[in-house]
C-alpha atoms as a PDB file:
ATOM      1  CA  MET A   1      -9.003 -55.725 -31.387  1.00  0.00           C
ATOM      2  CA  SER A   2      -9.047 -55.502 -35.173  1.00  0.00           C
ATOM      3  CA  LEU A   3      -7.745 -57.841 -37.837  1.00  0.00           C
ATOM      4  CA  VAL A   4      -7.089 -56.675 -41.389  1.00  0.00           C
ATOM      5  CA  ILE A   5      -5.950 -59.013 -44.153  1.00  0.00           C
ATOM      6  CA  ALA A   6      -4.709 -57.355 -47.326  1.00  0.00           C
ATOM      7  CA  PRO A   7      -2.456 -58.195 -50.254  1.00  0.00           C
ATOM      8  CA  ALA A   8       1.204 -57.436 -49.663  1.00  0.00           C
ATOM      9  CA  ALA A   9       2.454 -54.221 -51.240  1.00  0.00           C
ATOM     10  CA  PRO A  10       5.933 -53.578 -52.686  1.00  0.00           C
ATOM     11  CA  ALA A  11       6.949 -51.848 -49.450  1.00  0.00           C
ATOM     12  CA  ASP A  12       6.261 -55.160 -47.635  1.00  0.00           C
ATOM     13  CA  ALA A  13       9.079 -57.155 -49.285  1.00  0.00           C
ATOM     14  CA  ALA A  14      11.332 -56.974 -46.203  1.00  0.00           C
ATOM     15  CA  LEU A  15       8.406 -57.977 -43.984  1.00  0.00           C
ATOM     16  CA  VAL A  16       7.608 -60.977 -46.191  1.00  0.00           C
ATOM     17  CA  LEU A  17      11.238 -62.087 -45.975  1.00  0.00           C
ATOM     18  CA  ALA A  18      11.123 -61.655 -42.191  1.00  0.00           C
ATOM     19  CA  PHE A  19       8.025 -63.867 -42.033  1.00  0.00           C
ATOM     20  CA  VAL A  20       9.714 -66.499 -44.235  1.00  0.00           C
ATOM     21  CA  ARG A  21      12.754 -66.508 -41.959  1.00  0.00           C
ATOM     22  CA  GLU A  22      10.612 -66.717 -38.799  1.00  0.00           C
ATOM     23  CA  LEU A  23       8.670 -69.643 -40.261  1.00  0.00           C
ATOM     24  CA  ALA A  24      11.905 -71.389 -41.257  1.00  0.00           C
ATOM     25  CA  GLU A  25      13.280 -70.870 -37.773  1.00  0.00           C
ATOM     26  CA  TYR A  26      10.112 -72.396 -36.268  1.00  0.00           C
ATOM     27  CA  GLU A  27      10.520 -75.385 -38.593  1.00  0.00           C
ATOM     28  CA  ASN A  28      14.244 -75.722 -37.778  1.00  0.00           C
ATOM     29  CA  LEU A  29      15.009 -74.997 -41.440  1.00  0.00           C
ATOM     30  CA  LEU A  30      16.519 -71.509 -41.260  1.00  0.00           C
ATOM     31  CA  HIS A  31      19.734 -72.884 -42.754  1.00  0.00           C
ATOM     32  CA  GLU A  32      17.811 -73.632 -45.977  1.00  0.00           C
ATOM     33  CA  VAL A  33      16.554 -70.090 -46.585  1.00  0.00           C
ATOM     34  CA  GLU A  34      18.224 -68.602 -49.645  1.00  0.00           C
ATOM     35  CA  ALA A  35      15.482 -66.071 -50.429  1.00  0.00           C
ATOM     36  CA  THR A  36      16.399 -62.406 -50.620  1.00  0.00           C
ATOM     37  CA  GLU A  37      14.299 -59.289 -50.282  1.00  0.00           C
ATOM     38  CA  GLU A  38      15.025 -58.427 -53.910  1.00  0.00           C
ATOM     39  CA  GLY A  39      14.073 -61.887 -55.148  1.00  0.00           C
ATOM     40  CA  LEU A  40      10.818 -61.872 -53.207  1.00  0.00           C
ATOM     41  CA  ALA A  41      10.016 -58.354 -54.420  1.00  0.00           C
ATOM     42  CA  ASP A  42      10.514 -59.461 -58.018  1.00  0.00           C
ATOM     43  CA  ALA A  43       8.430 -62.625 -57.582  1.00  0.00           C
ATOM     44  CA  LEU A  44       5.592 -60.783 -55.833  1.00  0.00           C
ATOM     45  CA  PHE A  45       5.606 -57.404 -57.567  1.00  0.00           C
ATOM     46  CA  GLY A  46       7.632 -57.728 -60.781  1.00  0.00           C
ATOM     47  CA  ALA A  47       6.278 -57.439 -64.315  1.00  0.00           C
ATOM     48  CA  THR A  48       4.751 -60.948 -64.201  1.00  0.00           C
ATOM     49  CA  PRO A  49       4.049 -61.953 -60.584  1.00  0.00           C
ATOM     50  CA  ARG A  50       3.643 -65.685 -60.154  1.00  0.00           C
ATOM     51  CA  VAL A  51       3.298 -65.756 -56.388  1.00  0.00           C
ATOM     52  CA  PHE A  52       1.046 -63.766 -54.093  1.00  0.00           C
ATOM     53  CA  CYS A  53       0.993 -62.840 -50.439  1.00  0.00           C
ATOM     54  CA  ASP A  54      -1.666 -61.794 -47.969  1.00  0.00           C
ATOM     55  CA  ILE A  55      -0.564 -60.076 -44.786  1.00  0.00           C
ATOM     56  CA  ALA A  56      -2.575 -60.126 -41.572  1.00  0.00           C
ATOM     57  CA  ARG A  57      -2.277 -57.090 -39.342  1.00  0.00           C
ATOM     58  CA  TRP A  58      -3.618 -57.109 -35.805  1.00  0.00           C
ATOM     59  CA  ASN A  59      -4.266 -53.569 -34.581  1.00  0.00           C
ATOM     60  CA  GLY A  60      -1.930 -52.386 -37.318  1.00  0.00           C
ATOM     61  CA  GLU A  61       0.941 -54.687 -36.331  1.00  0.00           C
ATOM     62  CA  PRO A  62       2.143 -57.347 -38.811  1.00  0.00           C
ATOM     63  CA  ALA A  63       0.927 -60.608 -37.285  1.00  0.00           C
ATOM     64  CA  GLY A  64       1.126 -63.228 -40.027  1.00  0.00           C
ATOM     65  CA  PHE A  65       1.111 -64.039 -43.696  1.00  0.00           C
ATOM     66  CA  ALA A  66      -0.024 -66.494 -46.339  1.00  0.00           C
ATOM     67  CA  LEU A  67       2.145 -66.866 -49.431  1.00  0.00           C
ATOM     68  CA  TRP A  68       0.433 -68.710 -52.278  1.00  0.00           C
ATOM     69  CA  PHE A  69       0.194 -69.311 -56.006  1.00  0.00           C
ATOM     70  CA  TYR A  70      -2.216 -70.785 -58.511  1.00  0.00           C
ATOM     71  CA  ASN A  71      -1.808 -74.416 -59.506  1.00  0.00           C
ATOM     72  CA  TYR A  72      -3.823 -76.553 -61.904  1.00  0.00           C
ATOM     73  CA  SER A  73      -5.563 -79.896 -61.570  1.00  0.00           C
ATOM     74  CA  THR A  74      -5.833 -81.815 -64.827  1.00  0.00           C
ATOM     75  CA  PHE A  75      -8.270 -84.207 -63.155  1.00  0.00           C
ATOM     76  CA  ARG A  76     -10.578 -81.383 -62.046  1.00  0.00           C
ATOM     77  CA  GLY A  77      -9.898 -79.310 -65.159  1.00  0.00           C
ATOM     78  CA  ARG A  78      -9.579 -76.155 -63.082  1.00  0.00           C
ATOM     79  CA  HIS A  79      -7.046 -74.063 -61.254  1.00  0.00           C
ATOM     80  CA  GLY A  80      -6.625 -74.152 -57.502  1.00  0.00           C
ATOM     81  CA  ILE A  81      -4.454 -72.459 -54.921  1.00  0.00           C
ATOM     82  CA  TYR A  82      -1.321 -73.917 -53.399  1.00  0.00           C
ATOM     83  CA  LEU A  83      -0.522 -72.386 -50.023  1.00  0.00           C
ATOM     84  CA  GLU A  84       3.273 -72.323 -49.828  1.00  0.00           C
ATOM     85  CA  ASP A  85       3.598 -70.687 -46.429  1.00  0.00           C
ATOM     86  CA  LEU A  86       1.247 -69.847 -43.591  1.00  0.00           C
ATOM     87  CA  PHE A  87       2.695 -68.282 -40.469  1.00  0.00           C
ATOM     88  CA  VAL A  88       1.413 -66.357 -37.491  1.00  0.00           C
ATOM     89  CA  ARG A  89       3.884 -64.805 -35.099  1.00  0.00           C
ATOM     90  CA  PRO A  90       3.787 -66.479 -31.670  1.00  0.00           C
ATOM     91  CA  ALA A  91       2.581 -63.346 -29.863  1.00  0.00           C
ATOM     92  CA  PHE A  92      -0.531 -63.306 -32.066  1.00  0.00           C
ATOM     93  CA  ARG A  93      -1.450 -66.995 -32.022  1.00  0.00           C
ATOM     94  CA  GLY A  94      -4.799 -68.040 -30.629  1.00  0.00           C
ATOM     95  CA  ALA A  95      -6.607 -64.979 -31.971  1.00  0.00           C
ATOM     96  CA  GLY A  96      -7.948 -66.684 -35.116  1.00  0.00           C
ATOM     97  CA  ILE A  97      -5.451 -65.056 -37.479  1.00  0.00           C
ATOM     98  CA  GLY A  98      -4.329 -68.302 -39.140  1.00  0.00           C
ATOM     99  CA  LYS A  99      -7.944 -69.329 -39.593  1.00  0.00           C
ATOM    100  CA  ALA A 100      -8.760 -65.933 -41.097  1.00  0.00           C
ATOM    101  CA  LEU A 101      -5.890 -66.223 -43.576  1.00  0.00           C
ATOM    102  CA  ILE A 102      -7.069 -69.660 -44.686  1.00  0.00           C
ATOM    103  CA  ARG A 103     -10.691 -68.500 -44.824  1.00  0.00           C
ATOM    104  CA  ALA A 104      -9.641 -65.642 -47.119  1.00  0.00           C
ATOM    105  CA  LEU A 105      -7.968 -68.122 -49.479  1.00  0.00           C
ATOM    106  CA  ALA A 106     -10.957 -70.471 -49.321  1.00  0.00           C
ATOM    107  CA  ALA A 107     -13.215 -67.538 -50.208  1.00  0.00           C
ATOM    108  CA  ARG A 108     -10.931 -66.673 -53.121  1.00  0.00           C
ATOM    109  CA  CYS A 109     -11.229 -70.282 -54.343  1.00  0.00           C
ATOM    110  CA  ARG A 110     -14.998 -70.127 -54.059  1.00  0.00           C
ATOM    111  CA  ASP A 111     -15.302 -66.710 -55.703  1.00  0.00           C
ATOM    112  CA  GLU A 112     -12.960 -67.566 -58.594  1.00  0.00           C
ATOM    113  CA  GLY A 113     -14.423 -71.037 -59.191  1.00  0.00           C
ATOM    114  CA  LEU A 114     -11.179 -72.748 -58.215  1.00  0.00           C
ATOM    115  CA  ALA A 115     -11.160 -76.482 -57.542  1.00  0.00           C
ATOM    116  CA  ARG A 116      -9.234 -76.666 -54.270  1.00  0.00           C
ATOM    117  CA  LEU A 117      -6.876 -75.199 -51.713  1.00  0.00           C
ATOM    118  CA  GLU A 118      -3.955 -77.384 -50.724  1.00  0.00           C
ATOM    119  CA  TRP A 119      -0.661 -77.277 -48.838  1.00  0.00           C
ATOM    120  CA  TRP A 120       1.970 -79.406 -47.135  1.00  0.00           C
ATOM    121  CA  VAL A 121       2.632 -79.677 -43.423  1.00  0.00           C
ATOM    122  CA  LEU A 122       5.622 -81.230 -41.700  1.00  0.00           C
ATOM    123  CA  ASN A 123       4.731 -84.576 -40.101  1.00  0.00           C
ATOM    124  CA  TRP A 124       6.045 -83.496 -36.683  1.00  0.00           C
ATOM    125  CA  ASN A 125       3.990 -80.281 -36.584  1.00  0.00           C
ATOM    126  CA  ALA A 126       1.144 -81.630 -34.434  1.00  0.00           C
ATOM    127  CA  PRO A 127      -0.331 -78.200 -33.525  1.00  0.00           C
ATOM    128  CA  SER A 128      -0.665 -77.237 -37.184  1.00  0.00           C
ATOM    129  CA  ILE A 129      -2.036 -80.645 -38.161  1.00  0.00           C
ATOM    130  CA  ALA A 130      -4.680 -80.393 -35.435  1.00  0.00           C
ATOM    131  CA  PHE A 131      -5.555 -76.877 -36.587  1.00  0.00           C
ATOM    132  CA  TYR A 132      -5.900 -77.913 -40.242  1.00  0.00           C
ATOM    133  CA  GLU A 133      -7.981 -80.956 -39.364  1.00  0.00           C
ATOM    134  CA  SER A 134     -10.259 -78.756 -37.222  1.00  0.00           C
ATOM    135  CA  LEU A 135     -11.058 -76.885 -40.440  1.00  0.00           C
ATOM    136  CA  GLY A 136     -11.999 -80.124 -42.188  1.00  0.00           C
ATOM    137  CA  ALA A 137      -8.759 -80.478 -44.159  1.00  0.00           C
ATOM    138  CA  LYS A 138      -7.766 -84.057 -44.923  1.00  0.00           C
ATOM    139  CA  PRO A 139      -4.244 -85.445 -45.268  1.00  0.00           C
ATOM    140  CA  MET A 140      -3.416 -86.851 -48.690  1.00  0.00           C
ATOM    141  CA  ASP A 141      -1.707 -89.988 -47.355  1.00  0.00           C
ATOM    142  CA  GLU A 142      -1.809 -91.820 -50.668  1.00  0.00           C
ATOM    143  CA  TRP A 143       0.644 -89.400 -52.305  1.00  0.00           C
ATOM    144  CA  THR A 144       4.382 -89.106 -51.695  1.00  0.00           C
ATOM    145  CA  VAL A 145       6.117 -85.815 -52.431  1.00  0.00           C
ATOM    146  CA  TYR A 146       9.229 -86.008 -54.607  1.00  0.00           C
ATOM    147  CA  ARG A 147      11.712 -83.215 -55.214  1.00  0.00           C
ATOM    148  CA  LEU A 148      14.622 -82.598 -57.546  1.00  0.00           C
ATOM    149  CA  ALA A 149      16.957 -79.886 -56.244  1.00  0.00           C
ATOM    150  CA  GLY A 150      20.611 -78.923 -56.191  1.00  0.00           C
ATOM    151  CA  ASP A 151      23.014 -81.352 -57.875  1.00  0.00           C
ATOM    152  CA  ALA A 152      20.267 -83.841 -58.746  1.00  0.00           C
ATOM    153  CA  LEU A 153      18.269 -81.120 -60.536  1.00  0.00           C
ATOM    154  CA  GLU A 154      21.338 -79.939 -62.436  1.00  0.00           C
ATOM    155  CA  ARG A 155      22.327 -83.486 -63.378  1.00  0.00           C
ATOM    156  CA  THR A 156      18.825 -84.312 -64.579  1.00  0.00           C
ATOM    157  CA  ALA A 157      18.666 -81.131 -66.627  1.00  0.00           C
ATOM    158  CA  THR A 158      22.004 -81.685 -68.338  1.00  0.00           C
ATOM    159  CA  GLU A 159      22.188 -85.448 -68.871  1.00  0.00           C
ATOM    160  CA  GLY A 160      21.415 -86.569 -72.400  1.00  0.00           C
END
């Protein structure tokens, strides 16, 4: 069996959207997906890409993906990577594909002198939490995530 991890190419836009939708379905959040193939293609492969994607192929078959972008820590004074999505299709789980995707990002951090690799995980996702902790990842319990979206975002942007 062979595993190849490579950056997504423009021809992979539909595949990336399929992965996003499969992940959302797993998380019971499919109803929140608004992404389109065209929007993802522009974000990943447009004139100024601000998000990146690695695709794992197992024996040539698309098995999983990691979608990520650079962030910045003012405290560390260096960039890092924020892993937005990590997903391995159920048929390919248990083969080390998720670990390989994270290892590739960790190696990128090391090679580029980045400060850290971080991500969020849903509190109910015990299998993923166990997997991440097996890698040595630590939960950041002292921080609470806040989000402005929809009407609240619009109201905040327009109120004087």
